[in-house]
Amino acid sequence: MVKKTISYFWSLRREFIKYFIVGFSGLFLDMGSLILLKEVFDILPWMAVLMSQAVLLVYNFTLNKYWSFRNKVMHHKQVIRYLSLAMFNYFFSFGTMYVFNHIMGYDYRMVRILSIAVMVSWNFFLYKYWVYRIEKITLVQAQNIENA
């Protein structure tokens, strides 16, 4: 059981490293845009998080889909799943920023970094096994595609 588990996680290492690189570069984009919007344009941190997420959604979806998880299929289901997860993460980010910065007074940069760290913990597996999952088609579906 332990050997199987270790073998399983070892088999995911390349995808996870790529996912981590995309996430780490996204962290720089996220924090850079957050600090720029807050410090230069004097936008409230929770508003800045809402604004910067649109760019990061496209960036993360594209790089994770085609590079991290090498998924070339463009199913509308993947986009819907990604946007559903992104919406959940979006509200989680907004909520943590609002509660911990706006209400409790913690530094917005630390709140953002910690909220990203929490989201990373569930996103890898949700991306791999839910968002970018390739649906298996049945023999009948394959024949219908072939005959079309």
Protein backbone atom coordinates (compact mmCIF):
# COMPACT_ATOMS: atom_id res chain seq x y z
CA MET A 1 0.00 0.00 0.00
CA VAL A 2 2.74 2.47 0.97
CA LYS A 3 4.86 1.46 -2.02
CA LYS A 4 1.88 1.96 -4.33
CA THR A 5 1.19 5.39 -2.86
CA ILE A 6 4.82 6.48 -3.21
CA SER A 7 4.90 5.15 -6.77
CA TYR A 8 1.70 7.02 -7.59
CA PHE A 9 2.98 10.35 -6.26
CA TRP A 10 6.33 9.80 -7.99
CA SER A 11 4.49 9.35 -11.30
CA LEU A 12 2.92 12.80 -10.85
CA ARG A 13 6.21 14.64 -10.27
CA ARG A 14 6.63 16.13 -13.77
CA GLU A 15 3.08 17.42 -13.91
CA PHE A 16 3.35 18.78 -10.39
CA ILE A 17 6.66 20.55 -11.13
CA LYS A 18 5.14 22.19 -14.21
CA TYR A 19 2.01 23.07 -12.23
CA PHE A 20 4.24 24.56 -9.53
CA ILE A 21 6.18 26.65 -12.10
CA VAL A 22 2.93 27.98 -13.58
CA GLY A 23 1.62 28.69 -10.09
CA PHE A 24 4.82 30.35 -8.93
CA SER A 25 4.95 32.60 -11.99
CA GLY A 26 1.25 33.31 -11.46
CA LEU A 27 2.06 34.27 -7.88
CA PHE A 28 4.43 36.96 -9.17
CA LEU A 29 1.82 38.25 -11.59
CA ASP A 30 -0.85 38.13 -8.90
CA MET A 31 1.22 39.88 -6.23
CA GLY A 32 2.65 42.36 -8.74
CA SER A 33 -0.77 43.39 -9.97
CA LEU A 34 -2.14 43.50 -6.40
CA ILE A 35 0.67 45.75 -5.18
CA LEU A 36 0.49 47.93 -8.31
CA LEU A 37 -3.26 48.41 -7.97
CA LYS A 38 -3.02 49.06 -4.22
CA GLU A 39 0.10 51.19 -3.98
CA VAL A 40 0.04 53.09 -7.29
CA PHE A 41 -3.68 53.40 -7.97
CA ASP A 42 -4.80 53.36 -4.31
CA ILE A 43 -7.42 50.68 -4.86
CA LEU A 44 -8.68 48.76 -1.82
CA PRO A 45 -6.93 45.36 -1.58
CA TRP A 46 -10.11 43.30 -1.82
CA MET A 47 -11.08 45.23 -4.95
CA ALA A 48 -7.60 44.79 -6.42
CA VAL A 49 -7.89 41.02 -5.96
CA LEU A 50 -11.18 41.02 -7.84
CA MET A 51 -9.67 43.04 -10.68
CA SER A 52 -6.43 41.11 -11.13
CA GLN A 53 -8.05 37.68 -11.24
CA ALA A 54 -9.41 38.00 -14.78
CA VAL A 55 -5.93 38.08 -16.31
CA LEU A 56 -4.69 35.32 -14.05
CA LEU A 57 -7.60 33.04 -14.96
CA VAL A 58 -6.64 33.07 -18.63
CA TYR A 59 -2.92 32.74 -17.85
CA ASN A 60 -3.34 29.77 -15.49
CA PHE A 61 -5.92 27.95 -17.61
CA THR A 62 -3.86 28.15 -20.78
CA LEU A 63 -0.49 27.18 -19.30
CA ASN A 64 -1.84 24.41 -17.08
CA LYS A 65 -4.00 22.92 -19.82
CA TYR A 66 -1.44 22.83 -22.60
CA TRP A 67 1.86 22.64 -20.71
CA SER A 68 1.39 21.22 -17.20
CA PHE A 69 -1.22 18.59 -18.00
CA ARG A 70 -0.56 18.32 -21.79
CA ASN A 71 -4.26 18.34 -22.59
CA LYS A 72 -4.97 19.22 -26.22
CA VAL A 73 -8.69 18.45 -26.15
CA MET A 74 -10.85 21.56 -26.06
CA HIS A 75 -14.05 20.40 -24.43
CA HIS A 76 -16.47 23.02 -23.27
CA LYS A 77 -16.83 20.91 -20.11
CA GLN A 78 -13.22 21.73 -19.21
CA VAL A 79 -13.84 25.44 -19.54
CA ILE A 80 -17.00 25.18 -17.44
CA ARG A 81 -15.22 23.11 -14.77
CA TYR A 82 -12.26 25.48 -14.76
CA LEU A 83 -14.49 28.52 -14.42
CA SER A 84 -16.46 26.80 -11.63
CA LEU A 85 -13.27 26.11 -9.70
CA ALA A 86 -11.98 29.59 -10.51
CA MET A 87 -15.22 31.10 -9.23
CA PHE A 88 -14.89 29.15 -5.99
CA ASN A 89 -11.25 30.27 -5.65
CA TYR A 90 -12.27 33.81 -6.56
CA PHE A 91 -14.82 33.99 -3.75
CA PHE A 92 -12.37 32.32 -1.37
CA SER A 93 -9.72 34.95 -2.27
CA PHE A 94 -12.18 37.80 -1.98
CA GLY A 95 -13.56 36.50 1.32
CA THR A 96 -10.19 35.94 2.95
CA MET A 97 -8.95 39.36 1.81
CA TYR A 98 -12.11 41.06 3.03
CA VAL A 99 -12.15 39.31 6.43
CA PHE A 100 -8.45 39.20 7.26
CA ASN A 101 -7.40 42.54 5.75
CA HIS A 102 -10.42 44.79 5.70
CA ILE A 103 -12.04 43.65 8.96
CA MET A 104 -9.16 42.23 11.02
CA GLY A 105 -6.41 44.52 9.72
CA TYR A 106 -3.76 41.97 8.65
CA ASP A 107 -1.29 43.00 5.92
CA TYR A 108 -2.89 42.44 2.53
CA ARG A 109 0.26 40.89 1.03
CA MET A 110 0.46 38.19 3.69
CA VAL A 111 -3.27 37.48 3.44
CA ARG A 112 -2.94 37.02 -0.32
CA ILE A 113 0.11 34.75 -0.11
CA LEU A 114 -1.55 32.55 2.52
CA SER A 115 -4.81 32.33 0.59
CA ILE A 116 -2.89 31.29 -2.53
CA ALA A 117 -0.99 28.64 -0.55
CA VAL A 118 -4.27 27.18 0.70
CA MET A 119 -5.77 27.11 -2.80
CA VAL A 120 -2.69 25.42 -4.28
CA SER A 121 -3.29 22.48 -1.95
CA TRP A 122 -6.59 21.55 -3.62
CA ASN A 123 -6.13 22.94 -7.14
CA PHE A 124 -3.52 20.46 -8.42
CA PHE A 125 -5.73 17.43 -7.89
CA LEU A 126 -8.89 19.18 -9.00
CA TYR A 127 -7.16 20.33 -12.20
CA LYS A 128 -5.74 16.89 -12.91
CA TYR A 129 -8.75 14.74 -12.10
CA TRP A 130 -11.70 17.01 -12.67
CA VAL A 131 -11.00 20.06 -14.85
CA TYR A 132 -8.66 18.57 -17.49
CA ARG A 133 -9.99 15.02 -17.29
CA ILE A 134 -10.48 13.55 -20.74
CA GLU A 135 -13.84 11.87 -21.02
CA LYS A 136 -13.70 8.33 -22.30
CA ILE A 137 -15.95 7.84 -25.28
CA THR A 138 -17.89 4.68 -25.92
CA LEU A 139 -17.52 2.53 -29.01
CA VAL A 140 -20.91 3.76 -30.24
CA GLN A 141 -19.84 7.40 -29.87
CA ALA A 142 -16.58 6.67 -31.73
CA GLN A 143 -18.52 5.04 -34.59
CA ASN A 144 -20.89 8.00 -34.78
CA ILE A 145 -17.93 10.39 -35.00
CA GLU A 146 -16.33 8.21 -37.66
CA ASN A 147 -19.52 8.04 -39.72
CA ALA A 148 -20.20 11.76 -39.52
